[in-house]
C-alpha atoms as a PDB file:
ATOM      1  CA  MET A   1      -0.272  -0.051   0.434  1.00  0.00           C
ATOM      2  CA  THR A   2       3.131   2.569   0.414  1.00  0.00           C
ATOM      3  CA  ASN A   3       4.284   1.651  -2.330  1.00  0.00           C
ATOM      4  CA  PHE A   4       1.166   2.478  -4.366  1.00  0.00           C
ATOM      5  CA  LEU A   5       0.388   5.825  -2.272  1.00  0.00           C
ATOM      6  CA  LEU A   6       4.454   7.218  -3.182  1.00  0.00           C
ATOM      7  CA  GLY A   7       4.065   5.772  -6.484  1.00  0.00           C
ATOM      8  CA  ALA A   8       0.745   8.258  -7.197  1.00  0.00           C
ATOM      9  CA  VAL A   9       2.555  11.353  -5.667  1.00  0.00           C
ATOM     10  CA  ALA A  10       5.349  10.706  -7.795  1.00  0.00           C
ATOM     11  CA  GLY A  11       3.309  10.459 -11.272  1.00  0.00           C
ATOM     12  CA  ALA A  12       1.537  13.479  -9.701  1.00  0.00           C
ATOM     13  CA  LEU A  13       4.580  15.758  -9.490  1.00  0.00           C
ATOM     14  CA  PHE A  14       5.715  14.456 -12.684  1.00  0.00           C
ATOM     15  CA  ALA A  15       2.358  15.374 -14.769  1.00  0.00           C
ATOM     16  CA  CYS A  16       2.135  19.013 -12.534  1.00  0.00           C
ATOM     17  CA  VAL A  17       6.125  19.517 -13.742  1.00  0.00           C
ATOM     18  CA  GLY A  18       4.972  18.273 -17.434  1.00  0.00           C
ATOM     19  CA  THR A  19       1.821  20.620 -17.474  1.00  0.00           C
ATOM     20  CA  ILE A  20       3.648  24.164 -15.933  1.00  0.00           C
ATOM     21  CA  ALA A  21       6.254  23.440 -18.415  1.00  0.00           C
ATOM     22  CA  ALA A  22       3.583  22.502 -21.422  1.00  0.00           C
ATOM     23  CA  VAL A  23       2.275  25.646 -20.522  1.00  0.00           C
ATOM     24  CA  ARG A  24       5.027  27.852 -19.824  1.00  0.00           C
ATOM     25  CA  GLN A  25       5.105  27.565 -23.884  1.00  0.00           C
ATOM     26  CA  PRO A  26       3.485  29.841 -26.171  1.00  0.00           C
ATOM     27  CA  GLU A  27       2.358  27.951 -28.896  1.00  0.00           C
ATOM     28  CA  ILE A  28       0.104  25.969 -26.456  1.00  0.00           C
ATOM     29  CA  GLN A  29      -0.955  28.455 -24.487  1.00  0.00           C
ATOM     30  CA  THR A  30      -2.038  30.186 -27.900  1.00  0.00           C
ATOM     31  CA  ARG A  31      -4.608  26.647 -28.273  1.00  0.00           C
ATOM     32  CA  LEU A  32      -5.504  26.544 -24.662  1.00  0.00           C
ATOM     33  CA  GLY A  33      -7.010  29.776 -25.495  1.00  0.00           C
ATOM     34  CA  LEU A  34      -4.661  31.201 -23.228  1.00  0.00           C
ATOM     35  CA  ARG A  35      -3.275  33.828 -25.268  1.00  0.00           C
ATOM     36  CA  PRO A  36      -4.572  35.144 -28.162  1.00  0.00           C
ATOM     37  CA  ALA A  37      -3.496  34.436 -31.415  1.00  0.00           C
ATOM     38  CA  ALA A  38      -2.492  37.978 -33.070  1.00  0.00           C
ATOM     39  CA  MET A  39      -0.530  37.958 -29.835  1.00  0.00           C
ATOM     40  CA  LEU A  40       1.641  35.780 -30.279  1.00  0.00           C
ATOM     41  CA  ALA A  41       1.917  36.931 -34.042  1.00  0.00           C
ATOM     42  CA  ALA A  42       2.998  40.249 -33.288  1.00  0.00           C
ATOM     43  CA  ALA A  43       5.445  38.835 -30.030  1.00  0.00           C
ATOM     44  CA  PRO A  44       9.818  39.448 -31.555  1.00  0.00           C
ATOM     45  CA  ALA A  45      11.077  36.418 -32.457  1.00  0.00           C
ATOM     46  CA  PRO A  46      13.190  34.381 -30.108  1.00  0.00           C
ATOM     47  CA  ARG A  47      17.278  35.258 -31.093  1.00  0.00           C
ATOM     48  CA  SER A  48      18.924  32.473 -31.786  1.00  0.00           C
ATOM     49  CA  GLU A  49      21.673  33.292 -30.539  1.00  0.00           C
ATOM     50  CA  PRO A  50      22.329  35.389 -27.740  1.00  0.00           C
ATOM     51  CA  ALA A  51      23.843  39.172 -27.820  1.00  0.00           C
ATOM     52  CA  PRO A  52      27.406  39.610 -27.106  1.00  0.00           C
ATOM     53  CA  ARG A  53      28.512  40.378 -23.850  1.00  0.00           C
ATOM     54  CA  PRO A  54      31.270  43.030 -23.072  1.00  0.00           C
ATOM     55  CA  GLU A  55      34.277  40.766 -21.626  1.00  0.00           C
ATOM     56  CA  ALA A  56      34.600  42.022 -18.527  1.00  0.00           C
ATOM     57  CA  ALA A  57      38.698  42.710 -17.229  1.00  0.00           C
ATOM     58  CA  CYS A  58      40.523  39.792 -15.001  1.00  0.00           C
ATOM     59  CA  PRO A  59      42.705  41.019 -12.360  1.00  0.00           C
ATOM     60  CA  PRO A  60      46.243  39.705 -12.973  1.00  0.00           C
ATOM     61  CA  ALA A  61      47.135  36.955 -10.992  1.00  0.00           C
ATOM     62  CA  ALA A  62      49.049  37.395  -8.095  1.00  0.00           C
ATOM     63  CA  ALA A  63      51.888  34.256  -8.266  1.00  0.00           C
ATOM     64  CA  ARG A  64      51.673  32.363  -5.717  1.00  0.00           C
ATOM     65  CA  LYS A  65      54.039  29.542  -4.122  1.00  0.00           C
ATOM     66  CA  VAL A  66      51.819  26.103  -3.954  1.00  0.00           C
ATOM     67  CA  GLY A  67      51.228  24.273  -1.316  1.00  0.00           C
ATOM     68  CA  SER A  68      52.480  27.348   1.276  1.00  0.00           C
ATOM     69  CA  VAL A  69      49.764  27.763   4.988  1.00  0.00           C
ATOM     70  CA  GLU A  70      48.617  30.473   3.674  1.00  0.00           C
ATOM     71  CA  MET A  71      46.726  28.145   0.756  1.00  0.00           C
ATOM     72  CA  LEU A  72      45.315  25.403   3.655  1.00  0.00           C
ATOM     73  CA  LEU A  73      45.028  27.696   7.246  1.00  0.00           C
ATOM     74  CA  SER A  74      43.842  30.798   5.839  1.00  0.00           C
ATOM     75  CA  PRO A  75      40.865  33.057   7.060  1.00  0.00           C
ATOM     76  CA  ARG A  76      39.876  34.944   4.234  1.00  0.00           C
ATOM     77  CA  ARG A  77      39.129  31.093   2.144  1.00  0.00           C
ATOM     78  CA  PHE A  78      36.203  30.033   5.370  1.00  0.00           C
ATOM     79  CA  TRP A  79      34.964  33.536   6.072  1.00  0.00           C
ATOM     80  CA  TRP A  80      35.038  35.127   3.107  1.00  0.00           C
ATOM     81  CA  ILE A  81      32.225  35.014   0.077  1.00  0.00           C
ATOM     82  CA  ALA A  82      33.261  35.824  -3.528  1.00  0.00           C
ATOM     83  CA  PRO A  83      30.425  37.475  -4.904  1.00  0.00           C
END
């Protein structure tokens, strides 16, 4: 009985995720009547490739000695969070 219940819950979750993913598509929204067909035609066509982003300048790499104690026990390593 537990296996049936867990299987039913898993199947319901799969159905929900599939439905949500399908309804996010503009063509399916038009078929279901959620969006008028004229609105779909007026929507801009998706770009085949993303717009190029400007390259960020990287700071120069600092020369560090491999195997130094700072690499293992640095307080910055444990407490600093990179953005």
